[in-house]
Amino acid sequence: MNADGFLQLVRKYTDLQTLSMEVLHEFIDRIVVHHREQLFGETVQKVEIYYKMIGYVELPEMSKSQKDSFLKTFGRNETDRSA
């Protein structure tokens, strides 16, 4: 792990206006997408993002209210989920 190198890269993009493929390639080493599963009536799919220089960062689980707020903020609704 090289946290200092990663922070240098972050500082390079402190005023980022548009997320481009070249920026993503600088930050992300690989993305692992697991198969979808049904858990307690909800479809879930684990996605692991491995960042260059620091590896995989596991994020904490979201509560139901946090998930609902996230979906509301980013415009997902029930009809979007069936697509």
N, C-alpha and C. Protein backbone atom coordinates (compact mmCIF):
# COMPACT_ATOMS: atom_id res chain seq x y z
N MET A 1 0.84 -1.19 0.00
CA MET A 1 0.00 0.00 0.00
C MET A 1 0.88 1.24 0.00
N ASN A 2 0.43 2.22 -0.75
CA ASN A 2 1.17 3.46 -0.86
C ASN A 2 0.20 4.62 -0.70
N ALA A 3 -0.19 4.91 0.54
CA ALA A 3 -1.17 5.96 0.81
C ALA A 3 -0.66 7.33 0.38
N ASP A 4 0.64 7.59 0.55
CA ASP A 4 1.19 8.89 0.15
C ASP A 4 1.07 9.09 -1.36
N GLY A 5 1.36 8.05 -2.13
CA GLY A 5 1.23 8.14 -3.58
C GLY A 5 -0.22 8.37 -4.00
N PHE A 6 -1.14 7.70 -3.32
CA PHE A 6 -2.56 7.88 -3.62
C PHE A 6 -3.00 9.30 -3.30
N LEU A 7 -2.55 9.84 -2.17
CA LEU A 7 -2.91 11.21 -1.80
C LEU A 7 -2.34 12.22 -2.80
N GLN A 8 -1.15 11.96 -3.33
CA GLN A 8 -0.59 12.82 -4.37
C GLN A 8 -1.49 12.84 -5.59
N LEU A 9 -1.98 11.67 -5.97
CA LEU A 9 -2.89 11.55 -7.11
C LEU A 9 -4.19 12.29 -6.84
N VAL A 10 -4.72 12.18 -5.63
CA VAL A 10 -5.95 12.89 -5.26
C VAL A 10 -5.74 14.39 -5.36
N ARG A 11 -4.61 14.87 -4.87
CA ARG A 11 -4.33 16.31 -4.91
C ARG A 11 -4.24 16.82 -6.35
N LYS A 12 -3.81 15.98 -7.26
CA LYS A 12 -3.71 16.34 -8.68
C LYS A 12 -5.09 16.70 -9.24
N TYR A 13 -6.14 16.11 -8.68
CA TYR A 13 -7.49 16.30 -9.20
C TYR A 13 -8.43 17.00 -8.21
N THR A 14 -7.92 17.93 -7.43
CA THR A 14 -8.76 18.59 -6.44
C THR A 14 -9.83 19.47 -7.07
N ASP A 15 -9.63 19.92 -8.29
CA ASP A 15 -10.61 20.79 -8.96
C ASP A 15 -11.23 20.08 -10.15
N LEU A 16 -11.47 18.80 -10.04
CA LEU A 16 -12.01 17.99 -11.13
C LEU A 16 -13.44 18.41 -11.45
N GLN A 17 -13.71 18.71 -12.71
CA GLN A 17 -15.05 19.11 -13.14
C GLN A 17 -15.78 17.98 -13.85
N THR A 18 -15.04 17.12 -14.55
CA THR A 18 -15.63 16.04 -15.32
C THR A 18 -14.86 14.75 -15.06
N LEU A 19 -15.59 13.67 -14.82
CA LEU A 19 -14.96 12.38 -14.62
C LEU A 19 -14.76 11.71 -15.97
N SER A 20 -13.51 11.52 -16.36
CA SER A 20 -13.20 10.93 -17.66
C SER A 20 -12.60 9.54 -17.49
N MET A 21 -12.51 8.82 -18.59
CA MET A 21 -11.91 7.48 -18.55
C MET A 21 -10.45 7.55 -18.10
N GLU A 22 -9.73 8.57 -18.53
CA GLU A 22 -8.31 8.64 -18.13
C GLU A 22 -8.16 8.87 -16.63
N VAL A 23 -9.06 9.63 -16.03
CA VAL A 23 -9.01 9.83 -14.57
C VAL A 23 -9.33 8.51 -13.87
N LEU A 24 -10.35 7.80 -14.35
CA LEU A 24 -10.69 6.51 -13.75
C LEU A 24 -9.53 5.53 -13.86
N HIS A 25 -8.85 5.51 -15.00
CA HIS A 25 -7.71 4.61 -15.18
C HIS A 25 -6.56 4.95 -14.22
N GLU A 26 -6.43 6.22 -13.87
CA GLU A 26 -5.37 6.60 -12.93
C GLU A 26 -5.69 6.14 -11.50
N PHE A 27 -6.97 6.11 -11.15
CA PHE A 27 -7.36 5.78 -9.78
C PHE A 27 -7.67 4.30 -9.56
N ILE A 28 -8.24 3.64 -10.56
CA ILE A 28 -8.78 2.30 -10.34
C ILE A 28 -7.90 1.24 -10.98
N ASP A 29 -7.56 0.24 -10.18
CA ASP A 29 -6.77 -0.89 -10.65
C ASP A 29 -7.67 -1.92 -11.33
N ARG A 30 -8.75 -2.32 -10.62
CA ARG A 30 -9.71 -3.27 -11.19
C ARG A 30 -11.03 -3.21 -10.44
N ILE A 31 -12.08 -3.70 -11.12
CA ILE A 31 -13.41 -3.77 -10.53
C ILE A 31 -13.88 -5.21 -10.65
N VAL A 32 -14.33 -5.78 -9.53
CA VAL A 32 -14.85 -7.15 -9.52
C VAL A 32 -16.34 -7.07 -9.24
N VAL A 33 -17.15 -7.58 -10.17
CA VAL A 33 -18.61 -7.58 -10.02
C VAL A 33 -19.04 -9.02 -9.78
N HIS A 34 -19.68 -9.26 -8.64
CA HIS A 34 -20.15 -10.59 -8.28
C HIS A 34 -21.56 -10.82 -8.83
N HIS A 35 -22.01 -12.06 -8.81
CA HIS A 35 -23.34 -12.38 -9.31
C HIS A 35 -24.41 -11.82 -8.37
N ARG A 36 -25.60 -11.58 -8.94
CA ARG A 36 -26.72 -11.07 -8.14
C ARG A 36 -27.30 -12.19 -7.27
N GLU A 37 -27.79 -11.78 -6.11
CA GLU A 37 -28.40 -12.73 -5.19
C GLU A 37 -29.70 -12.13 -4.64
N GLN A 38 -30.60 -13.00 -4.24
CA GLN A 38 -31.82 -12.57 -3.55
C GLN A 38 -31.61 -12.80 -2.05
N LEU A 39 -31.66 -11.73 -1.27
CA LEU A 39 -31.53 -11.83 0.18
C LEU A 39 -32.71 -11.11 0.82
N PHE A 40 -33.53 -11.85 1.54
CA PHE A 40 -34.67 -11.28 2.24
C PHE A 40 -35.57 -10.47 1.31
N GLY A 41 -35.78 -11.01 0.09
CA GLY A 41 -36.66 -10.36 -0.87
C GLY A 41 -36.05 -9.19 -1.61
N GLU A 42 -34.77 -8.97 -1.43
CA GLU A 42 -34.09 -7.84 -2.08
C GLU A 42 -32.96 -8.39 -2.94
N THR A 43 -32.85 -7.85 -4.17
CA THR A 43 -31.76 -8.25 -5.04
C THR A 43 -30.51 -7.45 -4.67
N VAL A 44 -29.41 -8.15 -4.41
CA VAL A 44 -28.15 -7.49 -4.06
C VAL A 44 -27.05 -7.99 -4.99
N GLN A 45 -26.07 -7.15 -5.21
CA GLN A 45 -24.94 -7.52 -6.04
C GLN A 45 -23.71 -6.82 -5.49
N LYS A 46 -22.74 -7.60 -5.08
CA LYS A 46 -21.52 -7.04 -4.51
C LYS A 46 -20.58 -6.57 -5.62
N VAL A 47 -20.04 -5.38 -5.45
CA VAL A 47 -19.07 -4.82 -6.38
C VAL A 47 -17.86 -4.39 -5.56
N GLU A 48 -16.70 -4.87 -5.95
CA GLU A 48 -15.45 -4.51 -5.27
C GLU A 48 -14.62 -3.63 -6.20
N ILE A 49 -14.23 -2.46 -5.71
CA ILE A 49 -13.38 -1.56 -6.48
C ILE A 49 -12.00 -1.54 -5.82
N TYR A 50 -11.00 -1.92 -6.58
CA TYR A 50 -9.61 -1.94 -6.10
C TYR A 50 -8.91 -0.70 -6.65
N TYR A 51 -8.48 0.17 -5.76
CA TYR A 51 -7.83 1.41 -6.15
C TYR A 51 -6.33 1.21 -6.28
N LYS A 52 -5.73 1.92 -7.20
CA LYS A 52 -4.28 1.85 -7.35
C LYS A 52 -3.62 2.37 -6.09
N MET A 53 -2.59 1.74 -5.69
CA MET A 53 -1.74 2.10 -4.55
C MET A 53 -2.33 1.81 -3.19
N ILE A 54 -3.66 1.62 -3.06
CA ILE A 54 -4.22 1.34 -1.74
C ILE A 54 -5.08 0.07 -1.71
N GLY A 55 -5.46 -0.46 -2.85
CA GLY A 55 -6.22 -1.70 -2.88
C GLY A 55 -7.71 -1.51 -2.63
N TYR A 56 -8.33 -2.56 -2.11
CA TYR A 56 -9.77 -2.58 -1.87
C TYR A 56 -10.10 -1.86 -0.57
N VAL A 57 -11.09 -0.99 -0.62
CA VAL A 57 -11.56 -0.29 0.57
C VAL A 57 -12.99 -0.74 0.81
N GLU A 58 -13.22 -1.46 1.91
CA GLU A 58 -14.56 -1.95 2.20
C GLU A 58 -15.37 -0.86 2.89
N LEU A 59 -16.52 -0.56 2.32
CA LEU A 59 -17.40 0.46 2.89
C LEU A 59 -18.38 -0.20 3.86
N PRO A 60 -18.81 0.52 4.89
CA PRO A 60 -19.74 -0.06 5.85
C PRO A 60 -21.11 -0.31 5.21
N GLU A 61 -21.85 -1.27 5.75
CA GLU A 61 -23.20 -1.57 5.28
C GLU A 61 -24.10 -0.36 5.51
N MET A 62 -25.04 -0.12 4.59
CA MET A 62 -26.01 0.95 4.76
C MET A 62 -27.28 0.39 5.38
N SER A 63 -27.91 1.17 6.24
CA SER A 63 -29.20 0.79 6.80
C SER A 63 -30.28 0.96 5.72
N LYS A 64 -31.47 0.42 5.95
CA LYS A 64 -32.57 0.56 5.00
C LYS A 64 -32.88 2.02 4.73
N SER A 65 -32.91 2.86 5.77
CA SER A 65 -33.22 4.28 5.58
C SER A 65 -32.11 4.98 4.78
N GLN A 66 -30.85 4.59 4.99
CA GLN A 66 -29.75 5.17 4.21
C GLN A 66 -29.86 4.76 2.74
N LYS A 67 -30.21 3.48 2.49
CA LYS A 67 -30.39 3.02 1.11
C LYS A 67 -31.52 3.77 0.43
N ASP A 68 -32.65 3.92 1.14
CA ASP A 68 -33.79 4.64 0.58
C ASP A 68 -33.42 6.08 0.24
N SER A 69 -32.70 6.73 1.14
CA SER A 69 -32.26 8.10 0.91
C SER A 69 -31.32 8.18 -0.29
N PHE A 70 -30.40 7.23 -0.39
CA PHE A 70 -29.47 7.17 -1.52
C PHE A 70 -30.23 7.02 -2.84
N LEU A 71 -31.18 6.08 -2.86
CA LEU A 71 -31.95 5.85 -4.08
C LEU A 71 -32.79 7.06 -4.45
N LYS A 72 -33.34 7.74 -3.46
CA LYS A 72 -34.13 8.94 -3.72
C LYS A 72 -33.24 10.06 -4.27
N THR A 73 -32.07 10.23 -3.70
CA THR A 73 -31.15 11.28 -4.13
C THR A 73 -30.68 11.07 -5.56
N PHE A 74 -30.42 9.82 -5.93
CA PHE A 74 -29.87 9.54 -7.25
C PHE A 74 -30.91 9.08 -8.26
N GLY A 75 -32.19 9.24 -7.93
CA GLY A 75 -33.25 9.06 -8.91
C GLY A 75 -33.68 7.65 -9.22
N ARG A 76 -33.26 6.66 -8.46
CA ARG A 76 -33.72 5.29 -8.71
C ARG A 76 -35.08 5.11 -8.06
N ASN A 77 -35.96 4.40 -8.75
CA ASN A 77 -37.25 4.06 -8.16
C ASN A 77 -37.58 2.62 -8.52
N GLU A 78 -38.72 2.14 -8.09
CA GLU A 78 -39.09 0.74 -8.29
C GLU A 78 -39.12 0.35 -9.77
N THR A 79 -39.57 1.25 -10.65
CA THR A 79 -39.65 0.91 -12.07
C THR A 79 -38.25 0.76 -12.68
N ASP A 80 -37.28 1.53 -12.17
CA ASP A 80 -35.90 1.42 -12.66
C ASP A 80 -35.29 0.07 -12.29
N ARG A 81 -35.67 -0.47 -11.15
CA ARG A 81 -35.08 -1.72 -10.65
C ARG A 81 -35.48 -2.91 -11.50
N SER A 82 -36.63 -2.87 -12.12
CA SER A 82 -37.08 -4.00 -12.91
C SER A 82 -36.41 -4.05 -14.27
N ALA A 83 -35.77 -2.99 -14.66
CA ALA A 83 -35.12 -2.93 -15.99
C ALA A 83 -33.82 -3.67 -16.01
